[in-house]
Full PDB file with SEQRES, HELIX, SHEET, SSBOND, CRYST1, ORIGX, SCALE, CONECT and MASTER records, all heavy atoms in Angstrom:
SEQRES   1 A   41  ASN PRO LEU THR VAL ALA GLU SER TYR ALA MET VAL ASP          
SEQRES   2 A   41  MET LEU SER GLY GLY ARG LEU VAL LEU GLY VAL GLY SER          
SEQRES   3 A   41  GLY TYR LEU ALA HIS GLU PHE GLU GLY PHE GLY VAL LEU          
SEQRES   4 A   41  PRO GLN                                                      
HELIX    1 AA1 PRO A    2  SER A   16  1                                  15    
HELIX    2 AA2 ALA A   30  PHE A   36  1                                   7    
CRYST1    1.000    1.000    1.000  90.00  90.00  90.00 P 1           1          
ORIGX1      1.000000  0.000000  0.000000        0.00000                         
ORIGX2      0.000000  1.000000  0.000000        0.00000                         
ORIGX3      0.000000  0.000000  1.000000        0.00000                         
SCALE1      1.000000  0.000000  0.000000        0.00000                         
SCALE2      0.000000  1.000000  0.000000        0.00000                         
SCALE3      0.000000  0.000000  1.000000        0.00000                         
ATOM      1  N   ASN A   1      19.921  14.673   2.221  1.00  0.00           N  
ATOM      2  CA  ASN A   1      21.255  14.293   1.749  1.00  0.00           C  
ATOM      3  C   ASN A   1      21.662  13.086   2.571  1.00  0.00           C  
ATOM      4  O   ASN A   1      21.640  13.077   3.815  1.00  0.00           O  
ATOM      5  CB  ASN A   1      22.166  15.469   1.932  1.00  0.00           C  
ATOM      6  CG  ASN A   1      23.542  15.225   1.436  1.00  0.00           C  
ATOM      7  OD1 ASN A   1      24.158  14.164   1.716  1.00  0.00           O  
ATOM      8  ND2 ASN A   1      24.004  16.144   0.607  1.00  0.00           N  
ATOM      9  N   PRO A   2      22.141  11.969   1.961  1.00  0.00           N  
ATOM     10  CA  PRO A   2      22.507  10.763   2.636  1.00  0.00           C  
ATOM     11  C   PRO A   2      23.716  10.981   3.586  1.00  0.00           C  
ATOM     12  O   PRO A   2      23.816  10.240   4.658  1.00  0.00           O  
ATOM     13  CB  PRO A   2      22.880   9.899   1.539  1.00  0.00           C  
ATOM     14  CG  PRO A   2      23.183  10.560   0.276  1.00  0.00           C  
ATOM     15  CD  PRO A   2      22.195  11.802   0.470  1.00  0.00           C  
ATOM     16  N   LEU A   3      24.478  11.984   3.274  1.00  0.00           N  
ATOM     17  CA  LEU A   3      25.583  12.269   4.298  1.00  0.00           C  
ATOM     18  C   LEU A   3      25.050  12.852   5.529  1.00  0.00           C  
ATOM     19  O   LEU A   3      25.526  12.537   6.714  1.00  0.00           O  
ATOM     20  CB  LEU A   3      26.710  13.234   3.629  1.00  0.00           C  
ATOM     21  CG  LEU A   3      27.415  12.721   2.442  1.00  0.00           C  
ATOM     22  CD1 LEU A   3      28.221  13.832   1.850  1.00  0.00           C  
ATOM     23  CD2 LEU A   3      28.307  11.574   2.904  1.00  0.00           C  
ATOM     24  N   THR A   4      24.001  13.564   5.487  1.00  0.00           N  
ATOM     25  CA  THR A   4      23.356  14.111   6.680  1.00  0.00           C  
ATOM     26  C   THR A   4      22.630  13.070   7.348  1.00  0.00           C  
ATOM     27  O   THR A   4      22.723  13.066   8.688  1.00  0.00           O  
ATOM     28  CB  THR A   4      22.325  15.222   6.282  1.00  0.00           C  
ATOM     29  OG1 THR A   4      22.957  16.333   5.528  1.00  0.00           O  
ATOM     30  CG2 THR A   4      21.533  15.731   7.469  1.00  0.00           C  
ATOM     31  N   VAL A   5      21.891  12.145   6.693  1.00  0.00           N  
ATOM     32  CA  VAL A   5      21.474  10.960   7.351  1.00  0.00           C  
ATOM     33  C   VAL A   5      22.399  10.169   8.105  1.00  0.00           C  
ATOM     34  O   VAL A   5      22.247   9.766   9.210  1.00  0.00           O  
ATOM     35  CB  VAL A   5      20.693  10.121   6.357  1.00  0.00           C  
ATOM     36  CG1 VAL A   5      20.086   8.812   7.006  1.00  0.00           C  
ATOM     37  CG2 VAL A   5      19.530  10.876   5.664  1.00  0.00           C  
ATOM     38  N   ALA A   6      23.585   9.935   7.460  1.00  0.00           N  
ATOM     39  CA  ALA A   6      24.737   9.085   8.061  1.00  0.00           C  
ATOM     40  C   ALA A   6      25.116   9.792   9.262  1.00  0.00           C  
ATOM     41  O   ALA A   6      25.353   9.096  10.306  1.00  0.00           O  
ATOM     42  CB  ALA A   6      25.746   8.987   7.001  1.00  0.00           C  
ATOM     43  N   GLU A   7      25.383  11.145   9.214  1.00  0.00           N  
ATOM     44  CA  GLU A   7      25.906  11.786  10.506  1.00  0.00           C  
ATOM     45  C   GLU A   7      24.829  11.741  11.653  1.00  0.00           C  
ATOM     46  O   GLU A   7      25.313  11.388  12.654  1.00  0.00           O  
ATOM     47  CB  GLU A   7      26.076  13.252  10.124  1.00  0.00           C  
ATOM     48  CG  GLU A   7      27.224  13.692   9.212  1.00  0.00           C  
ATOM     49  CD  GLU A   7      27.317  15.038   8.823  1.00  0.00           C  
ATOM     50  OE1 GLU A   7      26.367  15.671   8.631  1.00  0.00           O  
ATOM     51  OE2 GLU A   7      28.537  15.593   8.714  1.00  0.00           O  
ATOM     52  N   SER A   8      23.592  11.969  11.320  1.00  0.00           N  
ATOM     53  CA  SER A   8      22.633  11.877  12.443  1.00  0.00           C  
ATOM     54  C   SER A   8      22.567  10.541  13.061  1.00  0.00           C  
ATOM     55  O   SER A   8      22.543  10.480  14.270  1.00  0.00           O  
ATOM     56  CB  SER A   8      21.290  12.273  11.736  1.00  0.00           C  
ATOM     57  OG  SER A   8      21.176  13.630  11.379  1.00  0.00           O  
ATOM     58  N   TYR A   9      22.516   9.533  12.221  1.00  0.00           N  
ATOM     59  CA  TYR A   9      22.407   8.154  12.960  1.00  0.00           C  
ATOM     60  C   TYR A   9      23.685   7.567  13.364  1.00  0.00           C  
ATOM     61  O   TYR A   9      23.642   6.722  14.243  1.00  0.00           O  
ATOM     62  CB  TYR A   9      21.789   7.240  11.837  1.00  0.00           C  
ATOM     63  CG  TYR A   9      20.162   7.644  11.761  1.00  0.00           C  
ATOM     64  CD1 TYR A   9      19.723   8.316  10.645  1.00  0.00           C  
ATOM     65  CD2 TYR A   9      19.356   7.504  12.808  1.00  0.00           C  
ATOM     66  CE1 TYR A   9      18.385   8.673  10.493  1.00  0.00           C  
ATOM     67  CE2 TYR A   9      18.018   7.859  12.759  1.00  0.00           C  
ATOM     68  CZ  TYR A   9      17.530   8.455  11.675  1.00  0.00           C  
ATOM     69  OH  TYR A   9      16.155   8.802  11.566  1.00  0.00           O  
ATOM     70  N   ALA A  10      24.845   8.071  12.970  1.00  0.00           N  
ATOM     71  CA  ALA A  10      26.034   7.784  13.611  1.00  0.00           C  
ATOM     72  C   ALA A  10      26.135   8.331  14.925  1.00  0.00           C  
ATOM     73  O   ALA A  10      26.599   7.668  15.898  1.00  0.00           O  
ATOM     74  CB  ALA A  10      27.198   8.388  12.740  1.00  0.00           C  
ATOM     75  N   MET A  11      25.616   9.479  15.140  1.00  0.00           N  
ATOM     76  CA  MET A  11      25.421  10.117  16.519  1.00  0.00           C  
ATOM     77  C   MET A  11      24.443   9.240  17.309  1.00  0.00           C  
ATOM     78  O   MET A  11      24.852   8.926  18.537  1.00  0.00           O  
ATOM     79  CB  MET A  11      24.893  11.492  16.443  1.00  0.00           C  
ATOM     80  CG  MET A  11      26.003  12.538  15.905  1.00  0.00           C  
ATOM     81  SD  MET A  11      25.365  14.193  15.888  1.00  0.00           S  
ATOM     82  CE  MET A  11      25.261  14.440  17.731  1.00  0.00           C  
ATOM     83  N   VAL A  12      23.322   8.796  16.748  1.00  0.00           N  
ATOM     84  CA  VAL A  12      22.455   8.025  17.538  1.00  0.00           C  
ATOM     85  C   VAL A  12      23.112   6.718  18.059  1.00  0.00           C  
ATOM     86  O   VAL A  12      23.015   6.340  19.243  1.00  0.00           O  
ATOM     87  CB  VAL A  12      21.107   7.679  16.805  1.00  0.00           C  
ATOM     88  CG1 VAL A  12      20.219   6.677  17.507  1.00  0.00           C  
ATOM     89  CG2 VAL A  12      20.391   8.943  16.478  1.00  0.00           C  
ATOM     90  N   ASP A  13      23.839   6.044  17.107  1.00  0.00           N  
ATOM     91  CA  ASP A  13      24.500   4.791  17.470  1.00  0.00           C  
ATOM     92  C   ASP A  13      25.493   5.111  18.648  1.00  0.00           C  
ATOM     93  O   ASP A  13      25.687   4.260  19.451  1.00  0.00           O  
ATOM     94  CB  ASP A  13      25.154   4.185  16.244  1.00  0.00           C  
ATOM     95  CG  ASP A  13      25.442   2.772  16.404  1.00  0.00           C  
ATOM     96  OD1 ASP A  13      24.649   2.078  16.774  1.00  0.00           O  
ATOM     97  OD2 ASP A  13      26.632   2.394  16.223  1.00  0.00           O  
ATOM     98  N   MET A  14      26.270   6.172  18.427  1.00  0.00           N  
ATOM     99  CA  MET A  14      27.246   6.423  19.422  1.00  0.00           C  
ATOM    100  C   MET A  14      26.707   6.799  20.789  1.00  0.00           C  
ATOM    101  O   MET A  14      27.127   6.195  21.789  1.00  0.00           O  
ATOM    102  CB  MET A  14      28.172   7.675  18.873  1.00  0.00           C  
ATOM    103  CG  MET A  14      29.263   8.168  19.979  1.00  0.00           C  
ATOM    104  SD  MET A  14      30.153   9.580  19.493  1.00  0.00           S  
ATOM    105  CE  MET A  14      31.107   8.810  18.020  1.00  0.00           C  
ATOM    106  N   LEU A  15      25.656   7.650  20.810  1.00  0.00           N  
ATOM    107  CA  LEU A  15      25.088   8.027  22.032  1.00  0.00           C  
ATOM    108  C   LEU A  15      24.316   6.879  22.744  1.00  0.00           C  
ATOM    109  O   LEU A  15      24.090   6.988  23.922  1.00  0.00           O  
ATOM    110  CB  LEU A  15      24.136   9.207  21.893  1.00  0.00           C  
ATOM    111  CG  LEU A  15      24.878  10.529  21.464  1.00  0.00           C  
ATOM    112  CD1 LEU A  15      23.856  11.593  20.953  1.00  0.00           C  
ATOM    113  CD2 LEU A  15      25.625  11.122  22.590  1.00  0.00           C  
ATOM    114  N   SER A  16      23.788   5.913  21.870  1.00  0.00           N  
ATOM    115  CA  SER A  16      23.171   4.740  22.526  1.00  0.00           C  
ATOM    116  C   SER A  16      24.119   3.679  22.897  1.00  0.00           C  
ATOM    117  O   SER A  16      23.649   2.620  23.367  1.00  0.00           O  
ATOM    118  CB  SER A  16      22.173   4.281  21.662  1.00  0.00           C  
ATOM    119  OG  SER A  16      22.615   3.827  20.445  1.00  0.00           O  
ATOM    120  N   GLY A  17      25.351   3.803  22.613  1.00  0.00           N  
ATOM    121  CA  GLY A  17      26.347   2.698  22.831  1.00  0.00           C  
ATOM    122  C   GLY A  17      26.208   1.547  21.835  1.00  0.00           C  
ATOM    123  O   GLY A  17      26.412   0.358  22.239  1.00  0.00           O  
ATOM    124  N   GLY A  18      25.869   1.884  20.513  1.00  0.00           N  
ATOM    125  CA  GLY A  18      25.741   0.799  19.626  1.00  0.00           C  
ATOM    126  C   GLY A  18      24.441   0.143  19.524  1.00  0.00           C  
ATOM    127  O   GLY A  18      24.511  -1.091  19.334  1.00  0.00           O  
ATOM    128  N   ARG A  19      23.311   0.804  19.653  1.00  0.00           N  
ATOM    129  CA  ARG A  19      21.996   0.104  19.777  1.00  0.00           C  
ATOM    130  C   ARG A  19      21.094   0.519  18.522  1.00  0.00           C  
ATOM    131  O   ARG A  19      19.967   0.099  18.566  1.00  0.00           O  
ATOM    132  CB  ARG A  19      21.350   0.470  21.134  1.00  0.00           C  
ATOM    133  CG  ARG A  19      22.029  -0.079  22.423  1.00  0.00           C  
ATOM    134  CD  ARG A  19      21.021   0.239  23.502  1.00  0.00           C  
ATOM    135  NE  ARG A  19      21.278   1.514  24.085  1.00  0.00           N  
ATOM    136  CZ  ARG A  19      20.437   2.140  24.704  1.00  0.00           C  
ATOM    137  NH1 ARG A  19      19.043   1.820  24.850  1.00  0.00           N  
ATOM    138  NH2 ARG A  19      20.670   3.396  25.244  1.00  0.00           N  
ATOM    139  N   LEU A  20      21.583   1.098  17.581  1.00  0.00           N  
ATOM    140  CA  LEU A  20      20.818   1.517  16.427  1.00  0.00           C  
ATOM    141  C   LEU A  20      20.562   0.455  15.532  1.00  0.00           C  
ATOM    142  O   LEU A  20      21.268  -0.508  15.123  1.00  0.00           O  
ATOM    143  CB  LEU A  20      21.649   2.734  15.635  1.00  0.00           C  
ATOM    144  CG  LEU A  20      20.922   3.066  14.285  1.00  0.00           C  
ATOM    145  CD1 LEU A  20      19.610   3.850  14.577  1.00  0.00           C  
ATOM    146  CD2 LEU A  20      21.882   3.909  13.607  1.00  0.00           C  
ATOM    147  N   VAL A  21      19.256   0.383  15.047  1.00  0.00           N  
ATOM    148  CA  VAL A  21      18.763  -0.457  13.778  1.00  0.00           C  
ATOM    149  C   VAL A  21      18.095   0.584  12.885  1.00  0.00           C  
ATOM    150  O   VAL A  21      17.224   1.167  13.154  1.00  0.00           O  
ATOM    151  CB  VAL A  21      17.839  -1.596  14.288  1.00  0.00           C  
ATOM    152  CG1 VAL A  21      17.394  -2.484  13.079  1.00  0.00           C  
ATOM    153  CG2 VAL A  21      18.306  -2.410  15.331  1.00  0.00           C  
ATOM    154  N   LEU A  22      18.795   0.521  11.668  1.00  0.00           N  
ATOM    155  CA  LEU A  22      18.413   1.708  10.696  1.00  0.00           C  
ATOM    156  C   LEU A  22      17.550   1.070   9.638  1.00  0.00           C  
ATOM    157  O   LEU A  22      17.961   0.359   8.741  1.00  0.00           O  
ATOM    158  CB  LEU A  22      19.713   2.248  10.061  1.00  0.00           C  
ATOM    159  CG  LEU A  22      19.451   3.438   9.199  1.00  0.00           C  
ATOM    160  CD1 LEU A  22      18.570   4.588   9.902  1.00  0.00           C  
ATOM    161  CD2 LEU A  22      20.777   4.076   8.895  1.00  0.00           C  
ATOM    162  N   GLY A  23      16.171   1.342   9.840  1.00  0.00           N  
ATOM    163  CA  GLY A  23      15.227   0.961   8.776  1.00  0.00           C  
ATOM    164  C   GLY A  23      15.155   2.064   7.662  1.00  0.00           C  
ATOM    165  O   GLY A  23      15.122   3.271   8.093  1.00  0.00           O  
ATOM    166  N   VAL A  24      15.250   1.741   6.465  1.00  0.00           N  
ATOM    167  CA  VAL A  24      15.194   2.839   5.422  1.00  0.00           C  
ATOM    168  C   VAL A  24      14.238   2.505   4.268  1.00  0.00           C  
ATOM    169  O   VAL A  24      13.806   1.233   4.184  1.00  0.00           O  
ATOM    170  CB  VAL A  24      16.694   2.929   4.739  1.00  0.00           C  
ATOM    171  CG1 VAL A  24      17.723   3.426   5.759  1.00  0.00           C  
ATOM    172  CG2 VAL A  24      17.096   1.589   4.136  1.00  0.00           C  
ATOM    173  N   GLY A  25      13.763   3.436   3.606  1.00  0.00           N  
ATOM    174  CA  GLY A  25      12.764   3.254   2.500  1.00  0.00           C  
ATOM    175  C   GLY A  25      12.844   4.396   1.550  1.00  0.00           C  
ATOM    176  O   GLY A  25      13.398   5.468   1.900  1.00  0.00           O  
ATOM    177  N   SER A  26      11.921   4.298   0.571  1.00  0.00           N  
ATOM    178  CA  SER A  26      11.874   5.370  -0.520  1.00  0.00           C  
ATOM    179  C   SER A  26      10.660   6.275  -0.318  1.00  0.00           C  
ATOM    180  O   SER A  26      10.628   7.339  -0.994  1.00  0.00           O  
ATOM    181  CB  SER A  26      11.746   4.713  -1.795  1.00  0.00           C  
ATOM    182  OG  SER A  26      10.624   3.927  -1.965  1.00  0.00           O  
ATOM    183  N   GLY A  27       9.822   6.061   0.696  1.00  0.00           N  
ATOM    184  CA  GLY A  27       8.661   6.949   0.896  1.00  0.00           C  
ATOM    185  C   GLY A  27       7.439   6.581  -0.125  1.00  0.00           C  
ATOM    186  O   GLY A  27       7.772   5.964  -1.086  1.00  0.00           O  
ATOM    187  N   TYR A  28       6.285   6.905   0.245  1.00  0.00           N  
ATOM    188  CA  TYR A  28       5.175   6.664  -0.576  1.00  0.00           C  
ATOM    189  C   TYR A  28       4.067   7.743  -0.392  1.00  0.00           C  
ATOM    190  O   TYR A  28       3.059   7.590  -1.126  1.00  0.00           O  
ATOM    191  CB  TYR A  28       4.510   5.332  -0.166  1.00  0.00           C  
ATOM    192  CG  TYR A  28       3.939   5.224   1.095  1.00  0.00           C  
ATOM    193  CD1 TYR A  28       2.662   5.274   1.321  1.00  0.00           C  
ATOM    194  CD2 TYR A  28       4.771   5.175   2.257  1.00  0.00           C  
ATOM    195  CE1 TYR A  28       2.010   5.177   2.576  1.00  0.00           C  
ATOM    196  CE2 TYR A  28       4.273   4.985   3.659  1.00  0.00           C  
ATOM    197  CZ  TYR A  28       2.867   5.025   3.755  1.00  0.00           C  
ATOM    198  OH  TYR A  28       2.366   5.041   4.954  1.00  0.00           O  
ATOM    199  N   LEU A  29       4.157   8.665   0.403  1.00  0.00           N  
ATOM    200  CA  LEU A  29       2.989   9.657   0.651  1.00  0.00           C  
ATOM    201  C   LEU A  29       3.191  10.972  -0.301  1.00  0.00           C  
ATOM    202  O   LEU A  29       4.184  11.600  -0.206  1.00  0.00           O  
ATOM    203  CB  LEU A  29       3.035  10.079   2.125  1.00  0.00           C  
ATOM    204  CG  LEU A  29       2.659   9.010   3.101  1.00  0.00           C  
ATOM    205  CD1 LEU A  29       2.849   9.432   4.565  1.00  0.00           C  
ATOM    206  CD2 LEU A  29       1.326   8.377   2.853  1.00  0.00           C  
ATOM    207  N   ALA A  30       2.235  11.081  -1.140  1.00  0.00           N  
ATOM    208  CA  ALA A  30       2.393  12.114  -2.120  1.00  0.00           C  
ATOM    209  C   ALA A  30       2.574  13.518  -1.505  1.00  0.00           C  
ATOM    210  O   ALA A  30       3.410  14.289  -2.032  1.00  0.00           O  
ATOM    211  CB  ALA A  30       1.157  12.187  -3.002  1.00  0.00           C  
ATOM    212  N   HIS A  31       1.961  13.849  -0.318  1.00  0.00           N  
ATOM    213  CA  HIS A  31       2.072  15.130   0.089  1.00  0.00           C  
ATOM    214  C   HIS A  31       3.443  15.452   0.696  1.00  0.00           C  
ATOM    215  O   HIS A  31       3.930  16.553   0.720  1.00  0.00           O  
ATOM    216  CB  HIS A  31       1.034  15.476   1.207  1.00  0.00           C  
ATOM    217  CG  HIS A  31       1.361  14.740   2.508  1.00  0.00           C  
ATOM    218  ND1 HIS A  31       1.037  13.429   2.741  1.00  0.00           N  
ATOM    219  CD2 HIS A  31       1.922  15.096   3.682  1.00  0.00           C  
ATOM    220  CE1 HIS A  31       1.416  12.930   3.968  1.00  0.00           C  
ATOM    221  NE2 HIS A  31       1.892  13.956   4.520  1.00  0.00           N  
ATOM    222  N   GLU A  32       4.183  14.359   0.954  1.00  0.00           N  
ATOM    223  CA  GLU A  32       5.571  14.514   1.487  1.00  0.00           C  
ATOM    224  C   GLU A  32       6.460  14.827   0.318  1.00  0.00           C  
ATOM    225  O   GLU A  32       7.350  15.675   0.514  1.00  0.00           O  
ATOM    226  CB  GLU A  32       5.998  13.355   2.287  1.00  0.00           C  
ATOM    227  CG  GLU A  32       5.137  13.123   3.640  1.00  0.00           C  
ATOM    228  CD  GLU A  32       5.682  11.914   4.506  1.00  0.00           C  
ATOM    229  OE1 GLU A  32       6.475  11.072   4.001  1.00  0.00           O  
ATOM    230  OE2 GLU A  32       5.172  11.899   5.599  1.00  0.00           O  
ATOM    231  N   PHE A  33       6.293  14.157  -0.715  1.00  0.00           N  
ATOM    232  CA  PHE A  33       7.228  14.470  -1.964  1.00  0.00           C  
ATOM    233  C   PHE A  33       6.786  15.779  -2.454  1.00  0.00           C  
ATOM    234  O   PHE A  33       7.810  16.635  -2.840  1.00  0.00           O  
ATOM    235  CB  PHE A  33       6.832  13.393  -3.033  1.00  0.00           C  
ATOM    236  CG  PHE A  33       7.514  12.112  -2.843  1.00  0.00           C  
ATOM    237  CD1 PHE A  33       6.920  11.129  -2.085  1.00  0.00           C  
ATOM    238  CD2 PHE A  33       8.737  11.757  -3.256  1.00  0.00           C  
ATOM    239  CE1 PHE A  33       7.471   9.799  -1.813  1.00  0.00           C  
ATOM    240  CE2 PHE A  33       9.383  10.684  -3.033  1.00  0.00           C  
ATOM    241  CZ  PHE A  33       8.839   9.623  -2.278  1.00  0.00           C  
ATOM    242  N   GLU A  34       5.615  16.288  -2.363  1.00  0.00           N  
ATOM    243  CA  GLU A  34       5.245  17.610  -2.848  1.00  0.00           C  
ATOM    244  C   GLU A  34       5.889  18.718  -1.801  1.00  0.00           C  
ATOM    245  O   GLU A  34       6.485  19.673  -2.273  1.00  0.00           O  
ATOM    246  CB  GLU A  34       3.759  17.795  -2.790  1.00  0.00           C  
ATOM    247  CG  GLU A  34       3.004  17.074  -3.860  1.00  0.00           C  
ATOM    248  CD  GLU A  34       1.453  17.040  -3.714  1.00  0.00           C  
ATOM    249  OE1 GLU A  34       1.017  17.716  -2.777  1.00  0.00           O  
ATOM    250  OE2 GLU A  34       0.817  16.355  -4.534  1.00  0.00           O  
ATOM    251  N   GLY A  35       5.900  18.376  -0.588  1.00  0.00           N  
ATOM    252  CA  GLY A  35       6.390  19.311   0.405  1.00  0.00           C  
ATOM    253  C   GLY A  35       7.961  19.504   0.319  1.00  0.00           C  
ATOM    254  O   GLY A  35       8.526  20.606   0.378  1.00  0.00           O  
ATOM    255  N   PHE A  36       8.549  18.510  -0.094  1.00  0.00           N  
ATOM    256  CA  PHE A  36      10.029  18.490  -0.303  1.00  0.00           C  
ATOM    257  C   PHE A  36      10.579  18.888  -1.687  1.00  0.00           C  
ATOM    258  O   PHE A  36      11.598  19.059  -1.885  1.00  0.00           O  
ATOM    259  CB  PHE A  36      10.673  17.144   0.221  1.00  0.00           C  
ATOM    260  CG  PHE A  36      10.848  17.056   1.717  1.00  0.00           C  
ATOM    261  CD1 PHE A  36       9.989  16.059   2.339  1.00  0.00           C  
ATOM    262  CD2 PHE A  36      11.613  17.845   2.454  1.00  0.00           C  
ATOM    263  CE1 PHE A  36      10.135  15.918   3.751  1.00  0.00           C  
ATOM    264  CE2 PHE A  36      11.735  17.738   3.740  1.00  0.00           C  
ATOM    265  CZ  PHE A  36      10.920  16.784   4.505  1.00  0.00           C  
ATOM    266  N   GLY A  37       9.557  18.910  -2.571  1.00  0.00           N  
ATOM    267  CA  GLY A  37       9.859  19.274  -3.966  1.00  0.00           C  
ATOM    268  C   GLY A  37      10.545  18.085  -4.632  1.00  0.00           C  
ATOM    269  O   GLY A  37      11.389  18.363  -5.489  1.00  0.00           O  
ATOM    270  N   VAL A  38      10.395  16.884  -4.265  1.00  0.00           N  
ATOM    271  CA  VAL A  38      10.943  15.742  -4.848  1.00  0.00           C  
ATOM    272  C   VAL A  38       9.986  14.936  -5.723  1.00  0.00           C  
ATOM    273  O   VAL A  38       8.750  14.771  -5.329  1.00  0.00           O  
ATOM    274  CB  VAL A  38      11.554  14.791  -3.803  1.00  0.00           C  
ATOM    275  CG1 VAL A  38      12.014  13.423  -4.502  1.00  0.00           C  
ATOM    276  CG2 VAL A  38      12.578  15.436  -2.979  1.00  0.00           C  
ATOM    277  N   LEU A  39      10.247  14.654  -6.957  1.00  0.00           N  
ATOM    278  CA  LEU A  39       9.431  14.032  -7.876  1.00  0.00           C  
ATOM    279  C   LEU A  39       9.156  12.488  -7.589  1.00  0.00           C  
ATOM    280  O   LEU A  39      10.168  11.821  -7.405  1.00  0.00           O  
ATOM    281  CB  LEU A  39       9.929  14.197  -9.305  1.00  0.00           C  
ATOM    282  CG  LEU A  39       9.943  15.531  -9.934  1.00  0.00           C  
ATOM    283  CD1 LEU A  39      10.616  15.430 -11.315  1.00  0.00           C  
ATOM    284  CD2 LEU A  39       8.618  16.223  -9.823  1.00  0.00           C  
ATOM    285  N   PRO A  40       7.965  12.100  -7.369  1.00  0.00           N  
ATOM    286  CA  PRO A  40       7.799  10.650  -6.915  1.00  0.00           C  
ATOM    287  C   PRO A  40       8.312   9.757  -7.878  1.00  0.00           C  
ATOM    288  O   PRO A  40       8.897   8.637  -7.533  1.00  0.00           O  
ATOM    289  CB  PRO A  40       6.327  10.539  -6.775  1.00  0.00           C  
ATOM    290  CG  PRO A  40       5.761  11.856  -6.526  1.00  0.00           C  
ATOM    291  CD  PRO A  40       6.729  12.793  -7.381  1.00  0.00           C  
ATOM    292  N   GLN A  41       8.438   9.990  -9.168  1.00  0.00           N  
ATOM    293  CA  GLN A  41       9.005   9.181 -10.169  1.00  0.00           C  
ATOM    294  C   GLN A  41      10.470   8.970 -10.083  1.00  0.00           C  
ATOM    295  O   GLN A  41      11.045   8.067 -10.735  1.00  0.00           O  
ATOM    296  CB  GLN A  41       8.547   9.587 -11.626  1.00  0.00           C  
ATOM    297  CG  GLN A  41       8.898  10.897 -12.041  1.00  0.00           C  
ATOM    298  CD  GLN A  41       7.809  11.917 -11.788  1.00  0.00           C  
ATOM    299  OE1 GLN A  41       7.165  11.880 -10.773  1.00  0.00           O  
ATOM    300  NE2 GLN A  41       7.782  12.967 -12.649  1.00  0.00           N  
TER     301      GLN A  41                                                      
MASTER        0    0    0    2    0    0    0    6  300    1    0    4          
END                                                                             
């Protein structure tokens, strides 16, 4: 859930004193999509 992602990395930024660089992507490994039950398409 993107709200969960935002919460987690807001905490990282706060605890590090504003040092976060947030790289994001859509994923590409088939077994990870299968594990989370998300359709790759």
